[in-house]
């Protein structure tokens, strides 16, 4: 399943001192010419992700899927 997301700047992690990001918008990608589904309301928009990989794991857990079944694409 392909998801598209828009990043919003997060804060520096107090544990790793690395930059984080928040997800502003999340949508399920759809074939060209069809409407995408906005899923932003299904995730915590205040969570600071350390990587796209972490986001993928969270989405897999949320939707009851294996992480390998989740694909991510950042969009502007």
C-alpha atoms as a PDB file:
ATOM      1  CA  UNK A   1       0.000   0.000   0.000  1.00  0.00           C
ATOM      2  CA  UNK A   2       1.432   3.371  -1.007  1.00  0.00           C
ATOM      3  CA  UNK A   3       1.110   6.359   1.303  1.00  0.00           C
ATOM      4  CA  UNK A   4       2.083   9.943   0.544  1.00  0.00           C
ATOM      5  CA  UNK A   5       2.948  12.374   3.305  1.00  0.00           C
ATOM      6  CA  UNK A   6       3.936  15.990   3.844  1.00  0.00           C
ATOM      7  CA  UNK A   7       6.544  16.794   6.462  1.00  0.00           C
ATOM      8  CA  UNK A   8       6.383  19.538   8.985  1.00  0.00           C
ATOM      9  CA  UNK A   9       9.457  20.493  10.956  1.00  0.00           C
ATOM     10  CA  UNK A  10       9.721  18.814  14.321  1.00  0.00           C
ATOM     11  CA  UNK A  11      12.097  19.405  17.197  1.00  0.00           C
ATOM     12  CA  UNK A  12      15.524  18.083  18.037  1.00  0.00           C
ATOM     13  CA  UNK A  13      15.316  14.759  19.815  1.00  0.00           C
ATOM     14  CA  UNK A  14      16.374  15.069  23.464  1.00  0.00           C
ATOM     15  CA  UNK A  15      17.671  11.485  23.318  1.00  0.00           C
ATOM     16  CA  UNK A  16      19.634  11.433  20.051  1.00  0.00           C
ATOM     17  CA  UNK A  17      19.982  15.176  19.334  1.00  0.00           C
ATOM     18  CA  UNK A  18      18.807  14.437  15.783  1.00  0.00           C
ATOM     19  CA  UNK A  19      16.288  16.438  13.777  1.00  0.00           C
ATOM     20  CA  UNK A  20      12.765  15.047  13.732  1.00  0.00           C
ATOM     21  CA  UNK A  21       9.671  15.770  11.675  1.00  0.00           C
ATOM     22  CA  UNK A  22       5.926  15.681  12.086  1.00  0.00           C
ATOM     23  CA  UNK A  23       3.449  14.522   9.482  1.00  0.00           C
ATOM     24  CA  UNK A  24       1.305  17.389   8.285  1.00  0.00           C
ATOM     25  CA  UNK A  25      -0.809  15.438   5.774  1.00  0.00           C
ATOM     26  CA  UNK A  26      -1.097  11.733   5.092  1.00  0.00           C
ATOM     27  CA  UNK A  27      -2.996  10.219   2.203  1.00  0.00           C
ATOM     28  CA  UNK A  28      -3.330   6.876   0.516  1.00  0.00           C
ATOM     29  CA  UNK A  29      -2.045   7.132  -3.010  1.00  0.00           C
ATOM     30  CA  UNK A  30      -4.430   6.202  -5.787  1.00  0.00           C
ATOM     31  CA  UNK A  31      -3.957   5.369  -9.465  1.00  0.00           C
ATOM     32  CA  UNK A  32      -3.680   8.377 -11.736  1.00  0.00           C
ATOM     33  CA  UNK A  33      -7.026   9.955 -12.485  1.00  0.00           C
ATOM     34  CA  UNK A  34      -8.703   8.771  -9.283  1.00  0.00           C
ATOM     35  CA  UNK A  35      -9.122  10.581  -5.998  1.00  0.00           C
ATOM     36  CA  UNK A  36      -6.700  10.009  -3.117  1.00  0.00           C
ATOM     37  CA  UNK A  37      -7.962   9.303   0.396  1.00  0.00           C
ATOM     38  CA  UNK A  38      -6.927  11.686   3.160  1.00  0.00           C
ATOM     39  CA  UNK A  39      -5.887   9.693   6.234  1.00  0.00           C
ATOM     40  CA  UNK A  40      -4.394  12.532   8.272  1.00  0.00           C
ATOM     41  CA  UNK A  41      -6.978  12.090  11.018  1.00  0.00           C
ATOM     42  CA  UNK A  42      -5.805   8.511  11.678  1.00  0.00           C
ATOM     43  CA  UNK A  43      -2.360   9.419  13.030  1.00  0.00           C
ATOM     44  CA  UNK A  44      -1.049  11.613  15.837  1.00  0.00           C
ATOM     45  CA  UNK A  45       0.118  14.823  14.145  1.00  0.00           C
ATOM     46  CA  UNK A  46       2.092  15.857  17.250  1.00  0.00           C
ATOM     47  CA  UNK A  47       4.412  12.818  17.155  1.00  0.00           C
ATOM     48  CA  UNK A  48       8.026  13.572  16.212  1.00  0.00           C
ATOM     49  CA  UNK A  49       9.329  10.941  13.777  1.00  0.00           C
ATOM     50  CA  UNK A  50      13.047  10.348  13.463  1.00  0.00           C
ATOM     51  CA  UNK A  51      12.863   8.834   9.980  1.00  0.00           C
ATOM     52  CA  UNK A  52      10.558   7.710   7.194  1.00  0.00           C
ATOM     53  CA  UNK A  53      11.332   4.171   8.311  1.00  0.00           C
ATOM     54  CA  UNK A  54       9.831   4.877  11.725  1.00  0.00           C
ATOM     55  CA  UNK A  55       6.741   6.355  10.054  1.00  0.00           C
ATOM     56  CA  UNK A  56       6.437   3.224   7.920  1.00  0.00           C
ATOM     57  CA  UNK A  57       6.529   1.023  11.047  1.00  0.00           C
ATOM     58  CA  UNK A  58       3.877   3.151  12.736  1.00  0.00           C
ATOM     59  CA  UNK A  59       1.606   2.946   9.682  1.00  0.00           C
ATOM     60  CA  UNK A  60       2.083  -0.819   9.463  1.00  0.00           C
ATOM     61  CA  UNK A  61       1.100  -1.159  13.112  1.00  0.00           C
ATOM     62  CA  UNK A  62      -1.879   1.181  12.699  1.00  0.00           C
ATOM     63  CA  UNK A  63      -3.244  -0.690   9.678  1.00  0.00           C
ATOM     64  CA  UNK A  64      -2.342  -4.193  10.846  1.00  0.00           C
ATOM     65  CA  UNK A  65       0.093  -4.826   8.003  1.00  0.00           C
ATOM     66  CA  UNK A  66       3.687  -5.925   7.669  1.00  0.00           C
ATOM     67  CA  UNK A  67       6.138  -3.011   7.306  1.00  0.00           C
ATOM     68  CA  UNK A  68       7.286  -4.501   3.994  1.00  0.00           C
ATOM     69  CA  UNK A  69       3.759  -3.971   2.629  1.00  0.00           C
ATOM     70  CA  UNK A  70       3.962  -0.212   3.258  1.00  0.00           C
ATOM     71  CA  UNK A  71       5.545   2.147   0.746  1.00  0.00           C
ATOM     72  CA  UNK A  72       6.054   5.853   1.425  1.00  0.00           C
ATOM     73  CA  UNK A  73       6.469   8.820  -0.847  1.00  0.00           C
ATOM     74  CA  UNK A  74       6.978  12.378   0.317  1.00  0.00           C
ATOM     75  CA  UNK A  75       4.996  15.014  -1.545  1.00  0.00           C
ATOM     76  CA  UNK A  76       4.971  18.786  -1.336  1.00  0.00           C
END
